[in-house]
N, C-alpha and C. Protein backbone atom coordinates (compact mmCIF):
# COMPACT_ATOMS: atom_id res chain seq x y z
N UNK A 1 27.01 39.31 49.46
CA UNK A 1 28.45 39.36 49.71
C UNK A 1 28.78 40.68 50.41
N UNK A 2 29.62 40.59 51.41
CA UNK A 2 30.08 41.78 52.12
C UNK A 2 31.07 42.56 51.26
N UNK A 3 31.11 43.86 51.48
CA UNK A 3 32.17 44.65 50.88
C UNK A 3 33.42 44.35 51.70
N UNK A 4 34.57 44.14 51.04
CA UNK A 4 35.77 43.72 51.78
C UNK A 4 36.15 44.66 52.92
N UNK A 5 35.94 45.97 52.72
CA UNK A 5 36.35 46.93 53.73
C UNK A 5 35.41 46.96 54.94
N UNK A 6 34.27 46.30 54.86
CA UNK A 6 33.33 46.30 55.97
C UNK A 6 33.79 45.42 57.13
N UNK A 7 34.70 44.48 56.83
CA UNK A 7 35.24 43.61 57.87
C UNK A 7 36.75 43.78 57.92
N UNK A 8 37.31 43.63 59.09
CA UNK A 8 38.76 43.74 59.23
C UNK A 8 39.44 42.50 58.65
N UNK A 9 40.73 42.62 58.41
CA UNK A 9 41.49 41.48 57.89
C UNK A 9 41.44 40.32 58.89
N UNK A 10 41.50 40.62 60.17
CA UNK A 10 41.47 39.54 61.16
C UNK A 10 40.10 38.84 61.18
N UNK A 11 39.04 39.57 60.91
CA UNK A 11 37.72 38.95 60.84
C UNK A 11 37.62 38.04 59.64
N UNK A 12 38.13 38.50 58.49
CA UNK A 12 38.13 37.65 57.30
C UNK A 12 38.94 36.38 57.57
N UNK A 13 40.10 36.53 58.20
CA UNK A 13 40.95 35.37 58.49
C UNK A 13 40.27 34.41 59.44
N UNK A 14 39.58 34.93 60.44
CA UNK A 14 38.86 34.07 61.39
C UNK A 14 37.75 33.31 60.70
N UNK A 15 37.01 33.99 59.86
CA UNK A 15 35.93 33.32 59.11
C UNK A 15 36.49 32.22 58.23
N UNK A 16 37.58 32.52 57.54
CA UNK A 16 38.19 31.53 56.66
C UNK A 16 38.65 30.31 57.47
N UNK A 17 39.30 30.56 58.59
CA UNK A 17 39.78 29.45 59.43
C UNK A 17 38.62 28.57 59.89
N UNK A 18 37.52 29.20 60.29
CA UNK A 18 36.35 28.43 60.75
C UNK A 18 35.77 27.59 59.62
N UNK A 19 35.69 28.16 58.43
CA UNK A 19 35.16 27.42 57.29
C UNK A 19 36.04 26.22 56.95
N UNK A 20 37.34 26.44 56.92
CA UNK A 20 38.28 25.35 56.60
C UNK A 20 38.23 24.28 57.68
N UNK A 21 38.16 24.71 58.92
CA UNK A 21 38.09 23.78 60.05
C UNK A 21 36.86 22.87 59.93
N UNK A 22 35.79 23.41 59.37
CA UNK A 22 34.55 22.63 59.23
C UNK A 22 34.46 21.92 57.88
N UNK A 23 35.56 21.90 57.15
CA UNK A 23 35.64 21.10 55.94
C UNK A 23 35.31 21.80 54.63
N UNK A 24 35.11 23.09 54.65
CA UNK A 24 34.84 23.81 53.39
C UNK A 24 36.11 23.86 52.55
N UNK A 25 35.94 23.74 51.26
CA UNK A 25 37.11 23.80 50.38
C UNK A 25 37.10 25.07 49.54
N UNK A 26 38.08 25.17 48.66
CA UNK A 26 38.26 26.39 47.86
C UNK A 26 37.11 26.69 46.91
N UNK A 27 36.27 25.70 46.65
CA UNK A 27 35.14 25.93 45.74
C UNK A 27 33.93 26.55 46.46
N UNK A 28 33.96 26.56 47.77
CA UNK A 28 32.85 27.12 48.54
C UNK A 28 32.84 28.64 48.35
N UNK A 29 31.70 29.21 47.97
CA UNK A 29 31.62 30.66 47.77
C UNK A 29 32.00 31.47 49.01
N UNK A 30 31.75 30.94 50.18
CA UNK A 30 32.12 31.65 51.41
C UNK A 30 33.62 31.69 51.59
N UNK A 31 34.30 30.62 51.20
CA UNK A 31 35.77 30.58 51.24
C UNK A 31 36.33 31.59 50.24
N UNK A 32 35.75 31.61 49.04
CA UNK A 32 36.19 32.57 48.02
C UNK A 32 36.00 34.00 48.52
N UNK A 33 34.88 34.26 49.18
CA UNK A 33 34.61 35.60 49.70
C UNK A 33 35.66 35.99 50.74
N UNK A 34 35.98 35.07 51.64
CA UNK A 34 37.00 35.36 52.66
C UNK A 34 38.35 35.64 52.03
N UNK A 35 38.72 34.82 51.04
CA UNK A 35 40.00 35.03 50.37
C UNK A 35 40.03 36.36 49.64
N UNK A 36 38.91 36.74 49.04
CA UNK A 36 38.83 38.04 48.37
C UNK A 36 38.95 39.17 49.38
N UNK A 37 38.32 39.02 50.53
CA UNK A 37 38.43 40.04 51.59
C UNK A 37 39.85 40.19 52.08
N UNK A 38 40.53 39.07 52.27
CA UNK A 38 41.93 39.12 52.71
C UNK A 38 42.82 39.74 51.63
N UNK A 39 42.55 39.41 50.37
CA UNK A 39 43.33 39.99 49.26
C UNK A 39 43.15 41.50 49.21
N UNK A 40 41.94 41.96 49.47
CA UNK A 40 41.68 43.41 49.50
C UNK A 40 42.59 44.08 50.52
N UNK A 41 42.65 43.51 51.73
CA UNK A 41 43.45 44.14 52.79
C UNK A 41 44.94 44.06 52.49
N UNK A 42 45.40 42.94 51.89
CA UNK A 42 46.82 42.86 51.50
C UNK A 42 47.15 43.93 50.47
N UNK A 43 46.27 44.07 49.49
CA UNK A 43 46.49 45.09 48.46
C UNK A 43 46.45 46.49 49.02
N UNK A 44 45.52 46.74 49.93
CA UNK A 44 45.41 48.08 50.52
C UNK A 44 46.68 48.43 51.31
N UNK A 45 47.21 47.46 52.05
CA UNK A 45 48.45 47.70 52.80
C UNK A 45 49.63 47.94 51.85
N UNK A 46 49.69 47.14 50.79
CA UNK A 46 50.82 47.26 49.84
C UNK A 46 50.76 48.55 49.05
N UNK A 47 49.54 49.01 48.75
CA UNK A 47 49.37 50.20 47.93
C UNK A 47 48.90 51.37 48.78
N UNK A 48 49.68 51.71 49.76
CA UNK A 48 49.34 52.83 50.62
C UNK A 48 49.34 54.14 49.84
N UNK A 49 48.87 55.20 50.48
CA UNK A 49 48.77 56.49 49.80
C UNK A 49 50.10 56.99 49.23
N UNK A 50 51.21 56.66 49.89
CA UNK A 50 52.51 57.12 49.39
C UNK A 50 52.86 56.44 48.06
N UNK A 51 52.49 55.17 47.92
CA UNK A 51 52.76 54.46 46.66
C UNK A 51 51.89 55.03 45.55
N UNK A 52 50.61 55.19 45.82
CA UNK A 52 49.68 55.72 44.81
C UNK A 52 50.08 57.14 44.40
N UNK A 53 50.49 57.96 45.37
CA UNK A 53 50.88 59.33 45.07
C UNK A 53 52.14 59.38 44.20
N UNK A 54 53.00 58.37 44.32
CA UNK A 54 54.24 58.35 43.55
C UNK A 54 54.02 57.94 42.09
N UNK A 55 52.89 57.33 41.79
CA UNK A 55 52.61 56.91 40.42
C UNK A 55 52.17 58.09 39.56
N UNK A 56 52.61 58.10 38.32
CA UNK A 56 52.07 59.10 37.40
C UNK A 56 50.77 58.54 36.81
N UNK A 57 50.09 59.30 35.98
CA UNK A 57 48.81 58.87 35.43
C UNK A 57 48.93 57.57 34.65
N UNK A 58 50.00 57.42 33.88
CA UNK A 58 50.18 56.21 33.08
C UNK A 58 50.39 55.01 34.00
N UNK A 59 51.24 55.17 34.99
CA UNK A 59 51.49 54.08 35.94
C UNK A 59 50.23 53.69 36.69
N UNK A 60 49.44 54.66 37.09
CA UNK A 60 48.19 54.40 37.81
C UNK A 60 47.22 53.65 36.91
N UNK A 61 47.11 54.09 35.65
CA UNK A 61 46.22 53.41 34.70
C UNK A 61 46.67 51.97 34.45
N UNK A 62 47.98 51.76 34.33
CA UNK A 62 48.50 50.41 34.12
C UNK A 62 48.22 49.53 35.32
N UNK A 63 48.38 50.07 36.51
CA UNK A 63 48.11 49.31 37.72
C UNK A 63 46.63 48.93 37.80
N UNK A 64 45.76 49.84 37.47
CA UNK A 64 44.32 49.55 37.47
C UNK A 64 44.03 48.43 36.48
N UNK A 65 44.67 48.45 35.33
CA UNK A 65 44.48 47.39 34.34
C UNK A 65 44.93 46.04 34.89
N UNK A 66 46.04 46.03 35.58
CA UNK A 66 46.54 44.79 36.19
C UNK A 66 45.53 44.27 37.22
N UNK A 67 45.02 45.16 38.03
CA UNK A 67 44.05 44.75 39.05
C UNK A 67 42.76 44.21 38.44
N UNK A 68 42.44 44.68 37.26
CA UNK A 68 41.24 44.19 36.56
C UNK A 68 41.52 42.89 35.81
N UNK A 69 42.76 42.45 35.80
CA UNK A 69 43.10 41.23 35.11
C UNK A 69 43.33 41.40 33.63
N UNK A 70 43.51 42.63 33.21
CA UNK A 70 43.74 42.91 31.80
C UNK A 70 45.23 42.77 31.49
N UNK A 71 45.53 42.41 30.26
CA UNK A 71 46.92 42.28 29.84
C UNK A 71 47.53 43.67 29.69
N UNK A 72 48.69 43.84 30.27
CA UNK A 72 49.39 45.12 30.16
C UNK A 72 50.70 44.86 29.46
N UNK A 73 50.92 45.59 28.38
CA UNK A 73 52.16 45.44 27.62
C UNK A 73 53.11 46.56 27.99
N UNK A 74 54.35 46.20 28.17
CA UNK A 74 55.37 47.18 28.52
C UNK A 74 55.79 48.01 27.34
């Protein structure tokens, strides 16, 4: 599996489009990999350095927990 940052978002999108065009569905590991790559880039854009810098330690830890899929209680 490629590291998500090794390919651009447009490359991930192109790969996904080609797979879907050829009949691959959501259960195909290559489709899952493309979707994970695209999710990485969406998250990176949404969580730019200014957003991360604005978080305090507690907020940053809570966000990391959310990204790991852990339950976070308010």
